[in-house]
Amino acid sequence: MTNPTSSQNAPYKVKVEKDKTYSWCSCGLSQKQPFCDGSHKGGLFKSVKYLANSNKEVWFCGCKRTNHQPFCDGSHSKP
C-alpha cells in the first residue's frame, strides 16, 4: 500500500489532555481511529506522535491526506 486509506472524509474532534502523547494513524487502517493500533506494521506508514501542550479540543485528520499531520487542513474537501 503506497497511499493511505481514508477512514472518513472529515476530521475527528478530540479532547486532548495536557502532557499526554497521542499516536495518530497515518495509514487509515486502524480500528481505533484516529489513533494508531499498529495495523500499519510491515508497510510504509508510521504513526505520528502528538504531545498535547494543554487541555483542549483538536481536529485530527480523518482523510489521511493532510499536509499538516496529524491535524486536518481541509484536504478532504479539495478536488
Protein backbone atom coordinates (compact mmCIF):
# COMPACT_ATOMS: atom_id res chain seq x y z
CA MET A 1 0.00 0.00 0.00
CA THR A 2 1.57 3.30 -1.10
CA ASN A 3 -1.38 5.62 -0.45
CA PRO A 4 -3.24 5.89 2.84
CA THR A 5 -6.81 4.70 3.21
CA SER A 6 -9.26 7.42 4.23
CA SER A 7 -11.07 6.39 7.38
CA GLN A 8 -13.57 9.23 6.83
CA ASN A 9 -13.74 12.42 4.78
CA ALA A 10 -13.97 14.67 7.81
CA PRO A 11 -11.77 15.40 10.81
CA TYR A 12 -12.06 13.77 14.23
CA LYS A 13 -12.74 16.22 17.06
CA VAL A 14 -10.84 15.01 20.14
CA LYS A 15 -10.43 16.46 23.62
CA VAL A 16 -6.74 16.05 24.43
CA GLU A 17 -5.09 16.21 27.84
CA LYS A 18 -2.04 18.32 28.62
CA ASP A 19 1.27 16.40 28.59
CA LYS A 20 -0.33 13.27 27.10
CA THR A 21 1.13 11.80 23.91
CA TYR A 22 -1.23 10.65 21.15
CA SER A 23 -0.30 8.41 18.19
CA TRP A 24 -2.24 9.45 15.10
CA CYS A 25 -2.88 6.79 12.45
CA SER A 26 -1.36 7.84 9.11
CA CYS A 27 -2.32 4.73 7.10
CA GLY A 28 -6.08 4.72 7.74
CA LEU A 29 -6.22 1.01 8.62
CA SER A 30 -6.51 1.32 12.41
CA GLN A 31 -9.70 0.13 14.06
CA LYS A 32 -9.20 2.82 16.76
CA GLN A 33 -9.40 5.92 14.53
CA PRO A 34 -8.00 8.50 14.57
CA PHE A 35 -5.34 6.74 16.63
CA CYS A 36 -2.87 4.03 15.68
CA ASP A 37 -3.41 0.39 16.67
CA GLY A 38 -0.37 -0.99 14.80
CA SER A 39 -2.28 -2.07 11.66
CA HIS A 40 0.45 -0.48 9.51
CA LYS A 41 3.11 -2.98 10.62
CA GLY A 42 5.24 -4.17 7.71
CA GLY A 43 4.14 -1.30 5.49
CA LEU A 44 5.40 2.15 4.54
CA PHE A 45 3.40 4.06 7.14
CA LYS A 46 4.23 5.01 10.73
CA SER A 47 2.18 6.63 13.46
CA VAL A 48 2.63 10.36 14.06
CA LYS A 49 3.20 11.36 17.67
CA TYR A 50 1.47 14.42 19.11
CA LEU A 51 2.21 15.77 22.60
CA ALA A 52 -0.63 17.95 23.86
CA ASN A 53 0.64 21.19 25.41
CA SER A 54 -2.71 22.00 27.05
CA ASN A 55 -6.19 20.60 27.68
CA LYS A 56 -8.13 21.48 24.53
CA GLU A 57 -10.05 20.20 21.53
CA VAL A 58 -8.11 19.42 18.37
CA TRP A 59 -9.15 18.20 14.93
CA PHE A 60 -7.21 15.11 13.84
CA CYS A 61 -7.25 14.38 10.10
CA GLY A 62 -9.61 11.59 9.02
CA CYS A 63 -8.90 11.51 5.28
CA LYS A 64 -5.14 10.96 5.86
CA ARG A 65 -4.24 13.37 3.01
CA THR A 66 -3.34 16.36 5.20
CA ASN A 67 -0.11 18.26 4.65
CA HIS A 68 -0.14 19.23 8.34
CA GLN A 69 -0.04 15.83 10.07
CA PRO A 70 -1.72 14.92 12.35
CA PHE A 71 -4.18 17.79 12.01
CA CYS A 72 -6.91 18.41 9.45
CA ASP A 73 -6.02 21.03 6.84
CA GLY A 74 -9.15 20.69 4.71
CA SER A 75 -7.58 18.30 2.17
CA HIS A 76 -10.72 16.13 2.28
CA SER A 77 -12.68 18.94 0.59
CA LYS A 78 -10.16 19.61 -2.21
CA PRO A 79 -10.83 18.05 -5.63
